[in-house]
Amino acid sequence: MQPNRRQYTRYQVAVAAEIEIEGETKIGETRDVSLGGASVSIDCQLEEERVVELALILTEDGIEDPDEEPFETRAKVIWSAPCDDGRFVIGIRFVQLGDEKTAQLKRFIEAMRNNN
């Protein structure tokens, strides 16, 4: 059995994800989120190493927090896999999060941890 090589704990959560690809916005949904990245279900395949603009609409119990802006960052596609329904799941790594974005993500993850 191989040890888990992930640096950050992943939390299963489904929130809306918007991925901008060459000026076009694709809508998806997260399967999980961590401080380092996420996996997203989307209707198109993306090649590994591609850098995209990502926005996650952070919600708690399906309700968007009016005091919290969407989490927006650049992200790199690490892997992509087809699903049986014709969609794809992509693994993305957040790129160069600043202190403000890291704090925003930590607040969201802490809320998810407290609800589970």
C-alpha atoms as a PDB file:
ATOM      1  CA  MET A   1       0.000   0.000   0.000  1.00  0.00           C
ATOM      2  CA  GLN A   2       1.405   3.376  -1.030  1.00  0.00           C
ATOM      3  CA  PRO A   3       1.333   6.220   1.474  1.00  0.00           C
ATOM      4  CA  ASN A   4      -0.857   9.252   0.713  1.00  0.00           C
ATOM      5  CA  ARG A   5       1.433  11.751  -0.984  1.00  0.00           C
ATOM      6  CA  ARG A   6      -0.996  14.655  -0.748  1.00  0.00           C
ATOM      7  CA  GLN A   7       0.281  17.660   1.132  1.00  0.00           C
ATOM      8  CA  TYR A   8      -3.217  18.880   2.072  1.00  0.00           C
ATOM      9  CA  THR A   9      -6.326  17.105   3.320  1.00  0.00           C
ATOM     10  CA  ARG A  10      -9.141  17.093   0.761  1.00  0.00           C
ATOM     11  CA  TYR A  11     -12.728  17.778   1.767  1.00  0.00           C
ATOM     12  CA  GLN A  12     -15.596  16.428  -0.301  1.00  0.00           C
ATOM     13  CA  VAL A  13     -17.717  19.395  -1.255  1.00  0.00           C
ATOM     14  CA  ALA A  14     -19.722  20.323  -4.340  1.00  0.00           C
ATOM     15  CA  VAL A  15     -19.591  24.021  -5.204  1.00  0.00           C
ATOM     16  CA  ALA A  16     -19.996  25.751  -8.556  1.00  0.00           C
ATOM     17  CA  ALA A  17     -16.755  26.222 -10.460  1.00  0.00           C
ATOM     18  CA  GLU A  18     -16.142  28.535 -13.398  1.00  0.00           C
ATOM     19  CA  ILE A  19     -13.077  27.860 -15.525  1.00  0.00           C
ATOM     20  CA  GLU A  20     -12.032  30.394 -18.121  1.00  0.00           C
ATOM     21  CA  ILE A  21     -10.426  28.832 -21.179  1.00  0.00           C
ATOM     22  CA  GLU A  22      -9.269  31.179 -23.963  1.00  0.00           C
ATOM     23  CA  GLY A  23     -11.956  33.735 -23.119  1.00  0.00           C
ATOM     24  CA  GLU A  24     -14.746  31.154 -22.797  1.00  0.00           C
ATOM     25  CA  THR A  25     -16.194  30.263 -19.392  1.00  0.00           C
ATOM     26  CA  LYS A  26     -16.942  26.615 -18.690  1.00  0.00           C
ATOM     27  CA  ILE A  27     -19.197  25.749 -15.756  1.00  0.00           C
ATOM     28  CA  GLY A  28     -18.372  22.776 -13.549  1.00  0.00           C
ATOM     29  CA  GLU A  29     -18.674  21.543 -10.000  1.00  0.00           C
ATOM     30  CA  THR A  30     -16.053  20.570  -7.465  1.00  0.00           C
ATOM     31  CA  ARG A  31     -15.859  17.060  -6.080  1.00  0.00           C
ATOM     32  CA  ASP A  32     -13.362  18.020  -3.406  1.00  0.00           C
ATOM     33  CA  VAL A  33     -11.307  20.996  -2.288  1.00  0.00           C
ATOM     34  CA  SER A  34      -8.078  21.399  -0.309  1.00  0.00           C
ATOM     35  CA  LEU A  35      -5.697  24.246   0.455  1.00  0.00           C
ATOM     36  CA  GLY A  36      -3.622  23.152  -2.527  1.00  0.00           C
ATOM     37  CA  GLY A  37      -6.188  22.376  -5.198  1.00  0.00           C
ATOM     38  CA  ALA A  38      -9.453  20.716  -6.159  1.00  0.00           C
ATOM     39  CA  SER A  39     -11.010  18.195  -8.464  1.00  0.00           C
ATOM     40  CA  VAL A  40     -13.672  19.538 -10.789  1.00  0.00           C
ATOM     41  CA  SER A  41     -16.267  17.836 -12.979  1.00  0.00           C
ATOM     42  CA  ILE A  42     -16.521  19.657 -16.326  1.00  0.00           C
ATOM     43  CA  ASP A  43     -17.875  18.963 -19.816  1.00  0.00           C
ATOM     44  CA  CYS A  44     -14.567  19.228 -21.690  1.00  0.00           C
ATOM     45  CA  GLN A  45     -11.143  17.677 -21.448  1.00  0.00           C
ATOM     46  CA  LEU A  46      -8.212  19.909 -20.559  1.00  0.00           C
ATOM     47  CA  GLU A  47      -4.620  18.997 -21.224  1.00  0.00           C
ATOM     48  CA  GLU A  48      -2.222  18.533 -18.345  1.00  0.00           C
ATOM     49  CA  GLU A  49      -0.042  21.537 -17.425  1.00  0.00           C
ATOM     50  CA  ARG A  50      -2.585  24.009 -18.835  1.00  0.00           C
ATOM     51  CA  VAL A  51      -3.016  27.103 -16.656  1.00  0.00           C
ATOM     52  CA  VAL A  52      -6.586  28.393 -16.329  1.00  0.00           C
ATOM     53  CA  GLU A  53      -8.464  31.102 -14.461  1.00  0.00           C
ATOM     54  CA  LEU A  54     -10.687  29.525 -11.806  1.00  0.00           C
ATOM     55  CA  ALA A  55     -13.558  30.875  -9.723  1.00  0.00           C
ATOM     56  CA  LEU A  56     -15.237  28.834  -6.995  1.00  0.00           C
ATOM     57  CA  ILE A  57     -18.591  30.045  -5.668  1.00  0.00           C
ATOM     58  CA  LEU A  58     -18.091  29.237  -1.990  1.00  0.00           C
ATOM     59  CA  THR A  59     -21.308  28.151  -0.317  1.00  0.00           C
ATOM     60  CA  GLU A  60     -22.234  26.646   3.004  1.00  0.00           C
ATOM     61  CA  ASP A  61     -25.130  24.172   2.997  1.00  0.00           C
ATOM     62  CA  GLY A  62     -25.826  25.270  -0.585  1.00  0.00           C
ATOM     63  CA  ILE A  63     -26.227  28.926   0.394  1.00  0.00           C
ATOM     64  CA  GLU A  64     -23.854  31.552  -0.950  1.00  0.00           C
ATOM     65  CA  ASP A  65     -22.406  33.806   1.751  1.00  0.00           C
ATOM     66  CA  PRO A  66     -23.289  37.403   0.770  1.00  0.00           C
ATOM     67  CA  ASP A  67     -20.202  38.637   2.652  1.00  0.00           C
ATOM     68  CA  GLU A  68     -17.784  36.325   0.809  1.00  0.00           C
ATOM     69  CA  GLU A  69     -16.553  36.995  -2.718  1.00  0.00           C
ATOM     70  CA  PRO A  70     -16.004  34.043  -5.078  1.00  0.00           C
ATOM     71  CA  PHE A  71     -12.593  32.435  -4.658  1.00  0.00           C
ATOM     72  CA  GLU A  72     -10.657  33.390  -7.787  1.00  0.00           C
ATOM     73  CA  THR A  73      -7.174  32.221  -8.705  1.00  0.00           C
ATOM     74  CA  ARG A  74      -5.010  30.811 -11.447  1.00  0.00           C
ATOM     75  CA  ALA A  75      -4.779  27.029 -11.418  1.00  0.00           C
ATOM     76  CA  LYS A  76      -2.792  24.384 -13.263  1.00  0.00           C
ATOM     77  CA  VAL A  77      -4.393  21.197 -14.599  1.00  0.00           C
ATOM     78  CA  ILE A  78      -2.480  18.270 -13.098  1.00  0.00           C
ATOM     79  CA  TRP A  79      -4.586  15.426 -14.488  1.00  0.00           C
ATOM     80  CA  SER A  80      -7.767  14.789 -16.476  1.00  0.00           C
ATOM     81  CA  ALA A  81      -9.909  11.658 -16.635  1.00  0.00           C
ATOM     82  CA  PRO A  82     -13.061  10.812 -18.609  1.00  0.00           C
ATOM     83  CA  CYS A  83     -16.271   9.803 -16.811  1.00  0.00           C
ATOM     84  CA  ASP A  84     -18.953   7.369 -17.973  1.00  0.00           C
ATOM     85  CA  ASP A  85     -21.418  10.227 -18.546  1.00  0.00           C
ATOM     86  CA  GLY A  86     -19.214  11.959 -21.151  1.00  0.00           C
ATOM     87  CA  ARG A  87     -17.892  14.561 -18.719  1.00  0.00           C
ATOM     88  CA  PHE A  88     -14.347  14.819 -17.387  1.00  0.00           C
ATOM     89  CA  VAL A  89     -12.871  15.187 -13.923  1.00  0.00           C
ATOM     90  CA  ILE A  90      -9.808  17.369 -13.727  1.00  0.00           C
ATOM     91  CA  GLY A  91      -7.379  17.702 -10.870  1.00  0.00           C
ATOM     92  CA  ILE A  92      -6.143  21.251 -10.479  1.00  0.00           C
ATOM     93  CA  ARG A  93      -3.464  22.843  -8.313  1.00  0.00           C
ATOM     94  CA  PHE A  94      -3.866  26.443  -7.211  1.00  0.00           C
ATOM     95  CA  VAL A  95      -1.068  28.689  -8.475  1.00  0.00           C
ATOM     96  CA  GLN A  96       0.605  31.269  -6.232  1.00  0.00           C
ATOM     97  CA  LEU A  97      -2.113  31.985  -3.698  1.00  0.00           C
ATOM     98  CA  GLY A  98      -1.494  35.193  -1.810  1.00  0.00           C
ATOM     99  CA  ASP A  99      -2.235  35.662   1.880  1.00  0.00           C
ATOM    100  CA  GLU A 100      -5.762  36.994   1.254  1.00  0.00           C
ATOM    101  CA  LYS A 101      -6.802  34.089  -0.996  1.00  0.00           C
ATOM    102  CA  THR A 102      -5.227  31.548   1.356  1.00  0.00           C
ATOM    103  CA  ALA A 103      -7.158  33.052   4.285  1.00  0.00           C
ATOM    104  CA  GLN A 104     -10.405  32.965   2.273  1.00  0.00           C
ATOM    105  CA  LEU A 105      -9.877  29.309   1.393  1.00  0.00           C
ATOM    106  CA  LYS A 106      -9.000  28.447   5.001  1.00  0.00           C
ATOM    107  CA  ARG A 107     -12.256  30.062   6.222  1.00  0.00           C
ATOM    108  CA  PHE A 108     -14.248  28.003   3.732  1.00  0.00           C
ATOM    109  CA  ILE A 109     -12.472  24.739   4.588  1.00  0.00           C
ATOM    110  CA  GLU A 110     -12.865  25.399   8.319  1.00  0.00           C
ATOM    111  CA  ALA A 111     -16.617  25.874   7.805  1.00  0.00           C
ATOM    112  CA  MET A 112     -16.755  22.584   5.837  1.00  0.00           C
ATOM    113  CA  ARG A 113     -14.834  20.791   8.585  1.00  0.00           C
ATOM    114  CA  ASN A 114     -17.177  22.133  11.264  1.00  0.00           C
ATOM    115  CA  ASN A 115     -20.256  20.975   9.318  1.00  0.00           C
ATOM    116  CA  ASN A 116     -19.047  17.384   8.894  1.00  0.00           C
END
